[in-house]
C-alpha atoms as a PDB file:
ATOM      1  CA  ALA A   1      32.553 -41.337 -49.727  1.00  0.00           C
ATOM      2  CA  ILE A   2      31.328 -41.866 -53.249  1.00  0.00           C
ATOM      3  CA  PRO A   3      33.114 -40.067 -56.109  1.00  0.00           C
ATOM      4  CA  HIS A   4      31.037 -37.363 -57.735  1.00  0.00           C
ATOM      5  CA  ASN A   5      30.963 -38.976 -61.131  1.00  0.00           C
ATOM      6  CA  GLU A   6      29.480 -42.301 -59.496  1.00  0.00           C
ATOM      7  CA  TYR A   7      27.102 -40.039 -57.484  1.00  0.00           C
ATOM      8  CA  ALA A   8      25.846 -38.326 -60.669  1.00  0.00           C
ATOM      9  CA  ILE A   9      25.434 -41.607 -62.527  1.00  0.00           C
ATOM     10  CA  GLU A  10      23.483 -43.259 -59.798  1.00  0.00           C
ATOM     11  CA  CYS A  11      21.302 -40.207 -59.218  1.00  0.00           C
ATOM     12  CA  ASN A  12      20.537 -39.924 -62.879  1.00  0.00           C
ATOM     13  CA  LYS A  13      19.494 -43.600 -62.894  1.00  0.00           C
ATOM     14  CA  LEU A  14      17.181 -43.051 -59.915  1.00  0.00           C
ATOM     15  CA  LEU A  15      15.720 -39.892 -61.464  1.00  0.00           C
ATOM     16  CA  SER A  16      15.056 -41.809 -64.760  1.00  0.00           C
ATOM     17  CA  GLN A  17      13.427 -44.688 -62.838  1.00  0.00           C
ATOM     18  CA  PHE A  18      11.281 -42.302 -60.870  1.00  0.00           C
ATOM     19  CA  LYS A  19      10.073 -40.609 -64.104  1.00  0.00           C
ATOM     20  CA  ILE A  20       9.268 -44.149 -65.629  1.00  0.00           C
ATOM     21  CA  ALA A  21       7.438 -45.200 -62.448  1.00  0.00           C
ATOM     22  CA  GLU A  22       5.585 -41.942 -62.225  1.00  0.00           C
ATOM     23  CA  LYS A  23       4.443 -42.264 -65.915  1.00  0.00           C
ATOM     24  CA  ALA A  24       3.274 -45.906 -65.370  1.00  0.00           C
ATOM     25  CA  ALA A  25       1.572 -45.126 -62.116  1.00  0.00           C
ATOM     26  CA  LEU A  26      -0.240 -42.079 -63.298  1.00  0.00           C
ATOM     27  CA  GLY A  27      -1.088 -43.308 -66.778  1.00  0.00           C
ATOM     28  CA  GLY A  28       1.531 -41.458 -68.768  1.00  0.00           C
ATOM     29  CA  GLY A  29      -0.032 -38.085 -68.598  1.00  0.00           C
ATOM     30  CA  GLY A  30       0.218 -37.255 -64.884  1.00  0.00           C
ATOM     31  CA  VAL A  31      -3.384 -38.296 -64.444  1.00  0.00           C
ATOM     32  CA  ASN A  32      -4.876 -41.685 -63.711  1.00  0.00           C
ATOM     33  CA  LYS A  33      -7.962 -43.193 -65.253  1.00  0.00           C
ATOM     34  CA  ASN A  34     -10.310 -41.004 -63.168  1.00  0.00           C
ATOM     35  CA  ASN A  35      -8.371 -37.846 -64.061  1.00  0.00           C
ATOM     36  CA  SER A  36      -7.749 -36.948 -60.466  1.00  0.00           C
ATOM     37  CA  THR A  37      -4.268 -38.003 -59.267  1.00  0.00           C
ATOM     38  CA  THR A  38      -1.044 -36.191 -59.838  1.00  0.00           C
ATOM     39  CA  THR A  39       2.188 -36.968 -58.060  1.00  0.00           C
ATOM     40  CA  GLU A  40       1.694 -33.980 -55.799  1.00  0.00           C
ATOM     41  CA  THR A  41      -1.807 -35.250 -54.921  1.00  0.00           C
ATOM     42  CA  PHE A  42      -0.459 -38.715 -54.186  1.00  0.00           C
ATOM     43  CA  MET A  43       2.208 -37.212 -51.832  1.00  0.00           C
ATOM     44  CA  ARG A  44      -0.440 -35.117 -49.983  1.00  0.00           C
ATOM     45  CA  ILE A  45      -2.848 -38.159 -49.633  1.00  0.00           C
ATOM     46  CA  TYR A  46       0.001 -40.317 -48.190  1.00  0.00           C
ATOM     47  CA  GLN A  47       1.392 -37.490 -46.094  1.00  0.00           C
ATOM     48  CA  MET A  48       4.809 -37.590 -47.801  1.00  0.00           C
ATOM     49  CA  ASP A  49       6.311 -34.418 -46.440  1.00  0.00           C
ATOM     50  CA  CYS A  50       9.621 -34.198 -48.285  1.00  0.00           C
ATOM     51  CA  PRO A  51       9.926 -30.736 -49.986  1.00  0.00           C
ATOM     52  CA  ARG A  52      13.546 -30.977 -51.009  1.00  0.00           C
ATOM     53  CA  ALA A  53      13.053 -34.422 -52.601  1.00  0.00           C
ATOM     54  CA  THR A  54       9.784 -33.163 -54.245  1.00  0.00           C
ATOM     55  CA  HIS A  55      11.553 -30.173 -55.768  1.00  0.00           C
ATOM     56  CA  ARG A  56      14.521 -32.338 -56.903  1.00  0.00           C
ATOM     57  CA  LEU A  57      12.236 -35.014 -58.483  1.00  0.00           C
ATOM     58  CA  LEU A  58       9.472 -32.838 -59.971  1.00  0.00           C
ATOM     59  CA  VAL A  59      11.104 -29.545 -60.702  1.00  0.00           C
ATOM     60  CA  MET A  60      14.880 -29.897 -61.032  1.00  0.00           C
ATOM     61  CA  GLY A  61      15.290 -33.322 -62.429  1.00  0.00           C
ATOM     62  CA  VAL A  62      19.090 -33.441 -61.958  1.00  0.00           C
ATOM     63  CA  PRO A  63      21.282 -34.484 -58.974  1.00  0.00           C
ATOM     64  CA  GLU A  64      22.132 -32.103 -56.173  1.00  0.00           C
ATOM     65  CA  PRO A  65      24.933 -29.948 -57.432  1.00  0.00           C
ATOM     66  CA  VAL A  66      28.393 -30.887 -56.133  1.00  0.00           C
ATOM     67  CA  LYS A  67      31.413 -28.866 -57.134  1.00  0.00           C
ATOM     68  CA  ASN A  68      34.556 -30.845 -58.069  1.00  0.00           C
ATOM     69  CA  ALA A  69      37.469 -29.700 -55.959  1.00  0.00           C
ATOM     70  CA  ASP A  70      40.348 -30.860 -58.027  1.00  0.00           C
ATOM     71  CA  GLY A  71      42.958 -29.632 -55.541  1.00  0.00           C
ATOM     72  CA  PRO A  72      46.302 -28.152 -56.698  1.00  0.00           C
ATOM     73  CA  GLY A  73      46.716 -27.981 -60.414  1.00  0.00           C
ATOM     74  CA  GLY A  74      43.161 -28.649 -61.369  1.00  0.00           C
ATOM     75  CA  ALA A  75      43.941 -31.659 -63.333  1.00  0.00           C
ATOM     76  CA  ASN A  76      40.289 -32.383 -64.213  1.00  0.00           C
ATOM     77  CA  VAL A  77      39.352 -28.838 -65.030  1.00  0.00           C
ATOM     78  CA  ALA A  78      40.377 -29.116 -68.626  1.00  0.00           C
ATOM     79  CA  ALA A  79      38.396 -32.380 -69.078  1.00  0.00           C
ATOM     80  CA  ASN A  80      35.313 -30.832 -67.331  1.00  0.00           C
ATOM     81  CA  VAL A  81      35.493 -27.820 -69.678  1.00  0.00           C
ATOM     82  CA  ALA A  82      35.836 -30.020 -72.722  1.00  0.00           C
ATOM     83  CA  GLU A  83      32.923 -32.133 -71.552  1.00  0.00           C
ATOM     84  CA  THR A  84      30.814 -29.090 -70.934  1.00  0.00           C
ATOM     85  CA  VAL A  85      31.564 -27.658 -74.397  1.00  0.00           C
ATOM     86  CA  GLN A  86      30.658 -31.076 -75.905  1.00  0.00           C
ATOM     87  CA  HIS A  87      27.289 -31.147 -74.130  1.00  0.00           C
ATOM     88  CA  PHE A  88      26.564 -27.543 -75.203  1.00  0.00           C
ATOM     89  CA  ILE A  89      27.299 -28.400 -78.881  1.00  0.00           C
ATOM     90  CA  THR A  90      25.428 -31.703 -78.876  1.00  0.00           C
ATOM     91  CA  THR A  91      22.297 -30.132 -77.407  1.00  0.00           C
ATOM     92  CA  MET A  92      22.373 -27.137 -79.752  1.00  0.00           C
ATOM     93  CA  ASP A  93      22.996 -29.424 -82.750  1.00  0.00           C
ATOM     94  CA  ALA A  94      19.933 -31.555 -81.726  1.00  0.00           C
ATOM     95  CA  ILE A  95      17.737 -28.439 -81.808  1.00  0.00           C
ATOM     96  CA  LYS A  96      19.238 -27.267 -85.136  1.00  0.00           C
ATOM     97  CA  LEU A  97      18.429 -30.781 -86.500  1.00  0.00           C
ATOM     98  CA  GLY A  98      14.800 -30.389 -85.525  1.00  0.00           C
ATOM     99  CA  GLN A  99      14.795 -32.832 -82.562  1.00  0.00           C
ATOM    100  CA  MET A 100      12.149 -31.050 -80.495  1.00  0.00           C
ATOM    101  CA  ALA A 101      10.693 -34.018 -78.434  1.00  0.00           C
ATOM    102  CA  VAL A 102      11.083 -33.697 -74.748  1.00  0.00           C
ATOM    103  CA  ASP A 103      12.463 -37.205 -74.405  1.00  0.00           C
ATOM    104  CA  ASP A 104      15.185 -36.361 -76.961  1.00  0.00           C
ATOM    105  CA  LEU A 105      16.192 -33.038 -75.429  1.00  0.00           C
ATOM    106  CA  GLN A 106      15.820 -33.577 -71.679  1.00  0.00           C
ATOM    107  CA  PRO A 107      18.663 -36.108 -71.329  1.00  0.00           C
ATOM    108  CA  LEU A 108      21.046 -33.897 -73.388  1.00  0.00           C
ATOM    109  CA  LEU A 109      20.154 -30.909 -71.243  1.00  0.00           C
ATOM    110  CA  SER A 110      20.521 -32.974 -68.010  1.00  0.00           C
ATOM    111  CA  ASP A 111      24.015 -34.007 -69.137  1.00  0.00           C
ATOM    112  CA  LEU A 112      24.863 -30.360 -69.774  1.00  0.00           C
ATOM    113  CA  MET A 113      23.546 -29.283 -66.433  1.00  0.00           C
ATOM    114  CA  ASN A 114      25.658 -31.931 -64.769  1.00  0.00           C
ATOM    115  CA  ALA A 115      28.733 -30.915 -66.630  1.00  0.00           C
ATOM    116  CA  LEU A 116      28.138 -27.230 -65.655  1.00  0.00           C
ATOM    117  CA  ILE A 117      27.796 -27.928 -62.018  1.00  0.00           C
ATOM    118  CA  GLN A 118      30.961 -29.950 -61.890  1.00  0.00           C
ATOM    119  CA  LEU A 119      33.079 -26.854 -62.906  1.00  0.00           C
ATOM    120  CA  PRO A 120      34.999 -25.529 -60.041  1.00  0.00           C
ATOM    121  CA  ASP A 121      35.086 -21.855 -59.159  1.00  0.00           C
ATOM    122  CA  THR A 122      32.025 -20.802 -60.996  1.00  0.00           C
ATOM    123  CA  PRO A 123      30.031 -18.219 -59.145  1.00  0.00           C
ATOM    124  CA  ASN A 124      26.641 -19.133 -57.518  1.00  0.00           C
ATOM    125  CA  ASP A 125      24.841 -16.776 -59.883  1.00  0.00           C
ATOM    126  CA  PHE A 126      26.624 -18.168 -63.029  1.00  0.00           C
ATOM    127  CA  GLY A 127      24.237 -17.232 -65.946  1.00  0.00           C
ATOM    128  CA  PRO A 128      24.691 -20.421 -68.027  1.00  0.00           C
ATOM    129  CA  ASN A 129      23.583 -22.458 -65.092  1.00  0.00           C
ATOM    130  CA  HIS A 130      20.361 -20.427 -64.621  1.00  0.00           C
ATOM    131  CA  LYS A 131      19.524 -20.486 -68.302  1.00  0.00           C
ATOM    132  CA  VAL A 132      20.122 -24.332 -68.689  1.00  0.00           C
ATOM    133  CA  GLN A 133      18.201 -24.910 -65.310  1.00  0.00           C
ATOM    134  CA  LYS A 134      15.251 -22.844 -66.603  1.00  0.00           C
ATOM    135  CA  TRP A 135      14.950 -25.113 -69.612  1.00  0.00           C
ATOM    136  CA  LEU A 136      15.490 -28.196 -67.673  1.00  0.00           C
ATOM    137  CA  GLU A 137      12.667 -27.265 -65.333  1.00  0.00           C
ATOM    138  CA  LYS A 138      10.448 -26.567 -68.265  1.00  0.00           C
ATOM    139  CA  LEU A 139      11.227 -29.837 -69.919  1.00  0.00           C
ATOM    140  CA  ASN A 140      10.795 -31.777 -66.700  1.00  0.00           C
ATOM    141  CA  ALA A 141       7.257 -30.335 -66.339  1.00  0.00           C
ATOM    142  CA  MET A 142       6.376 -31.692 -69.700  1.00  0.00           C
ATOM    143  CA  ARG A 143       5.508 -35.214 -70.780  1.00  0.00           C
ATOM    144  CA  ALA A 144       8.055 -37.310 -72.572  1.00  0.00           C
ATOM    145  CA  VAL A 145       5.872 -37.333 -75.666  1.00  0.00           C
ATOM    146  CA  ASP A 146       5.483 -33.605 -75.823  1.00  0.00           C
ATOM    147  CA  VAL A 147       7.205 -31.624 -78.546  1.00  0.00           C
ATOM    148  CA  LEU A 148       8.518 -28.077 -78.330  1.00  0.00           C
ATOM    149  CA  ASP A 149       6.840 -25.700 -80.946  1.00  0.00           C
ATOM    150  CA  GLU A 150       8.877 -23.733 -83.276  1.00  0.00           C
ATOM    151  CA  ASP A 151       8.866 -20.588 -81.189  1.00  0.00           C
ATOM    152  CA  ASP A 152       9.999 -22.487 -78.087  1.00  0.00           C
ATOM    153  CA  GLY A 153      12.630 -24.272 -80.157  1.00  0.00           C
ATOM    154  CA  ARG A 154      14.111 -21.016 -81.392  1.00  0.00           C
ATOM    155  CA  GLN A 155      14.099 -19.476 -77.888  1.00  0.00           C
ATOM    156  CA  PHE A 156      15.673 -22.613 -76.474  1.00  0.00           C
ATOM    157  CA  TYR A 157      18.416 -22.502 -79.090  1.00  0.00           C
ATOM    158  CA  HIS A 158      18.920 -18.751 -78.467  1.00  0.00           C
ATOM    159  CA  ASP A 159      19.143 -19.246 -74.703  1.00  0.00           C
ATOM    160  CA  LEU A 160      21.694 -22.070 -75.127  1.00  0.00           C
ATOM    161  CA  ASP A 161      23.680 -20.065 -77.541  1.00  0.00           C
ATOM    162  CA  SER A 162      23.834 -17.003 -75.303  1.00  0.00           C
ATOM    163  CA  ALA A 163      24.735 -19.314 -72.292  1.00  0.00           C
ATOM    164  CA  TYR A 164      27.561 -20.854 -74.347  1.00  0.00           C
ATOM    165  CA  THR A 165      28.820 -17.442 -75.342  1.00  0.00           C
ATOM    166  CA  GLU A 166      28.696 -16.362 -71.628  1.00  0.00           C
ATOM    167  CA  PHE A 167      30.475 -19.630 -70.731  1.00  0.00           C
ATOM    168  CA  THR A 168      33.337 -19.017 -73.146  1.00  0.00           C
ATOM    169  CA  ARG A 169      33.610 -15.419 -72.091  1.00  0.00           C
ATOM    170  CA  TYR A 170      34.002 -16.611 -68.471  1.00  0.00           C
ATOM    171  CA  LEU A 171      36.687 -19.058 -69.493  1.00  0.00           C
ATOM    172  CA  ARG A 172      38.669 -16.306 -71.398  1.00  0.00           C
ATOM    173  CA  ALA A 173      38.511 -14.132 -68.387  1.00  0.00           C
ATOM    174  CA  LYS A 174      40.076 -16.799 -66.106  1.00  0.00           C
END
Protein backbone atom coordinates (compact mmCIF):
# COMPACT_ATOMS: atom_id res chain seq x y z
CA ALA A 1 0.00 0.00 0.00
CA ILE A 2 1.13 3.50 -0.74
CA PRO A 3 0.85 6.17 1.98
CA HIS A 4 -1.80 8.82 1.29
CA ASN A 5 0.67 11.71 1.08
CA GLU A 6 2.69 9.87 -1.60
CA TYR A 7 -0.53 8.98 -3.41
CA ALA A 8 -1.67 12.62 -3.45
CA ILE A 9 1.75 13.85 -4.64
CA GLU A 10 1.89 11.30 -7.48
CA CYS A 11 -1.73 11.92 -8.50
CA ASN A 12 -1.16 15.67 -8.56
CA LYS A 13 1.90 15.16 -10.77
CA LEU A 14 -0.15 13.01 -13.15
CA LEU A 15 -3.04 15.51 -13.20
CA SER A 16 -0.60 18.31 -13.94
CA GLN A 17 1.06 16.30 -16.72
CA PHE A 18 -2.37 15.56 -18.18
CA LYS A 19 -3.26 19.28 -18.24
CA ILE A 20 0.04 20.11 -19.96
CA ALA A 21 -0.38 17.32 -22.52
CA GLU A 22 -3.99 18.28 -23.14
CA LYS A 23 -3.04 21.91 -23.67
CA ALA A 24 -0.24 20.95 -26.08
CA ALA A 25 -2.34 18.43 -28.01
CA LEU A 26 -5.35 20.69 -28.35
CA GLY A 27 -3.49 23.90 -29.08
CA GLY A 28 -3.83 25.57 -25.70
CA GLY A 29 -7.46 26.54 -25.93
CA GLY A 30 -9.13 23.15 -25.96
CA VAL A 31 -9.47 23.32 -29.74
CA ASN A 32 -7.01 22.24 -32.43
CA LYS A 33 -6.13 24.08 -35.63
CA ASN A 34 -9.40 23.20 -37.35
CA ASN A 35 -11.39 24.29 -34.27
CA SER A 36 -13.14 20.94 -33.86
CA THR A 37 -11.47 18.73 -31.27
CA THR A 38 -11.97 18.83 -27.54
CA THR A 39 -10.80 16.23 -25.08
CA GLU A 40 -14.33 14.84 -24.92
CA THR A 41 -14.50 14.58 -28.73
CA PHE A 42 -11.12 12.83 -28.82
CA MET A 43 -12.30 10.35 -26.20
CA ARG A 44 -15.50 9.65 -28.16
CA ILE A 45 -13.65 9.16 -31.46
CA TYR A 46 -11.21 6.69 -29.92
CA GLN A 47 -13.95 4.98 -27.87
CA MET A 48 -12.38 5.74 -24.52
CA ASP A 49 -15.21 4.79 -22.19
CA CYS A 50 -13.90 5.75 -18.76
CA PRO A 51 -16.46 8.03 -17.08
CA ARG A 52 -14.80 8.13 -13.64
CA ALA A 53 -11.40 9.01 -15.10
CA THR A 54 -13.03 11.61 -17.35
CA HIS A 55 -14.77 13.18 -14.38
CA ARG A 56 -11.58 13.11 -12.27
CA LEU A 57 -9.41 14.62 -15.05
CA LEU A 58 -11.76 17.11 -16.68
CA VAL A 59 -14.04 18.17 -13.82
CA MET A 60 -12.53 17.46 -10.42
CA GLY A 61 -8.83 17.95 -11.06
CA VAL A 62 -7.80 16.51 -7.69
CA PRO A 63 -6.92 12.98 -6.54
CA GLU A 64 -9.68 10.70 -5.31
CA PRO A 65 -10.47 11.64 -1.71
CA VAL A 66 -8.95 9.31 0.85
CA LYS A 67 -9.52 10.00 4.52
CA ASN A 68 -6.56 9.66 6.86
CA ALA A 69 -7.28 7.24 9.62
CA ASP A 70 -4.77 8.24 12.22
CA GLY A 71 -5.78 5.59 14.70
CA PRO A 72 -5.80 6.16 18.43
CA GLY A 73 -4.80 9.61 19.54
CA GLY A 74 -5.00 11.13 16.08
CA ALA A 75 -1.35 12.20 16.04
CA ASN A 76 -1.60 13.78 12.60
CA VAL A 77 -4.93 15.53 13.11
CA ALA A 78 -3.34 18.70 14.51
CA ALA A 79 -0.86 18.80 11.63
CA ASN A 80 -3.67 18.28 9.10
CA VAL A 81 -5.71 21.07 10.65
CA ALA A 82 -2.71 23.42 10.63
CA GLU A 83 -1.99 22.57 6.99
CA THR A 84 -5.62 23.18 6.05
CA VAL A 85 -5.62 26.57 7.78
CA GLN A 86 -2.38 27.45 6.00
CA HIS A 87 -3.91 26.62 2.60
CA PHE A 88 -7.06 28.61 3.35
CA ILE A 89 -5.01 31.68 4.31
CA THR A 90 -2.59 31.36 1.38
CA THR A 91 -5.41 31.08 -1.16
CA MET A 92 -7.39 33.95 0.37
CA ASP A 93 -4.25 36.13 0.50
CA ALA A 94 -3.56 35.45 -3.17
CA ILE A 95 -7.04 36.68 -4.06
CA LYS A 96 -6.68 39.74 -1.82
CA LEU A 97 -3.36 40.53 -3.54
CA GLY A 98 -5.10 40.47 -6.92
CA GLN A 99 -3.71 37.18 -8.25
CA MET A 100 -6.71 36.26 -10.38
CA ALA A 101 -5.06 34.10 -13.08
CA VAL A 102 -6.29 30.52 -13.17
CA ASP A 103 -2.76 29.14 -13.23
CA ASP A 104 -2.01 31.07 -10.01
CA LEU A 105 -5.15 30.08 -8.13
CA GLN A 106 -5.81 26.50 -9.25
CA PRO A 107 -2.71 24.93 -7.58
CA LEU A 108 -3.46 26.78 -4.33
CA LEU A 109 -7.06 25.62 -4.36
CA SER A 110 -6.05 22.08 -5.26
CA ASP A 111 -3.71 22.02 -2.24
CA LEU A 112 -6.55 23.31 -0.05
CA MET A 113 -8.91 20.62 -1.34
CA ASN A 114 -6.30 17.92 -0.72
CA ALA A 115 -5.83 19.18 2.85
CA LEU A 116 -9.58 19.25 3.47
CA ILE A 117 -10.13 15.69 2.28
CA GLN A 118 -7.35 14.41 4.53
CA LEU A 119 -9.17 15.57 7.66
CA PRO A 120 -10.65 12.59 9.48
CA ASP A 121 -14.21 12.51 10.78
CA THR A 122 -15.60 15.26 8.57
CA PRO A 123 -19.14 14.55 7.38
CA ASN A 124 -19.74 13.64 3.73
CA ASP A 125 -21.75 16.83 3.25
CA PHE A 126 -19.06 19.06 4.81
CA GLY A 127 -19.80 22.56 3.51
CA PRO A 128 -16.20 23.79 3.08
CA ASN A 129 -15.44 20.80 0.84
CA HIS A 130 -18.40 21.60 -1.40
CA LYS A 131 -17.50 25.29 -1.71
CA VAL A 132 -13.86 24.59 -2.50
CA GLN A 133 -14.81 21.80 -4.93
CA LYS A 134 -17.24 24.11 -6.75
CA TRP A 135 -14.48 26.65 -7.37
CA LEU A 136 -11.95 23.98 -8.25
CA GLU A 137 -14.30 22.62 -10.90
CA LYS A 138 -14.84 26.14 -12.24
CA LEU A 139 -11.09 26.84 -12.43
CA ASN A 140 -10.40 23.43 -14.00
CA ALA A 141 -12.93 24.22 -16.72
CA MET A 142 -11.03 27.41 -17.59
CA ARG A 143 -7.78 27.79 -19.48
CA ALA A 144 -4.57 28.49 -17.54
CA VAL A 145 -4.26 31.93 -19.15
CA ASP A 146 -7.80 32.94 -18.15
CA VAL A 147 -8.26 35.51 -15.40
CA LEU A 148 -11.19 35.81 -13.01
CA ASP A 149 -13.01 39.12 -13.33
CA GLU A 150 -13.56 41.37 -10.32
CA ASP A 151 -17.03 39.96 -9.57
CA ASP A 152 -15.80 36.36 -9.66
CA GLY A 153 -12.80 37.30 -7.52
CA ARG A 154 -15.03 38.85 -4.88
CA GLN A 155 -17.38 35.88 -4.91
CA PHE A 156 -14.46 33.45 -4.73
CA TYR A 157 -13.03 35.28 -1.72
CA HIS A 158 -16.45 35.41 -0.06
CA ASP A 159 -17.01 31.67 -0.59
CA LEU A 160 -13.55 30.84 0.79
CA ASP A 161 -14.07 33.13 3.77
CA SER A 162 -17.42 31.53 4.58
CA ALA A 163 -15.90 28.05 4.10
CA TYR A 164 -13.08 28.98 6.48
CA THR A 165 -15.58 30.28 9.04
CA GLU A 166 -17.58 27.06 8.77
CA PHE A 167 -14.37 25.04 9.08
CA THR A 168 -13.31 26.84 12.29
CA ARG A 169 -16.85 26.52 13.69
CA TYR A 170 -16.70 22.79 13.01
CA LEU A 171 -13.34 22.52 14.82
CA ARG A 172 -14.64 24.40 17.86
CA ALA A 173 -17.63 22.06 18.06
CA LYS A 174 -15.41 18.96 18.17
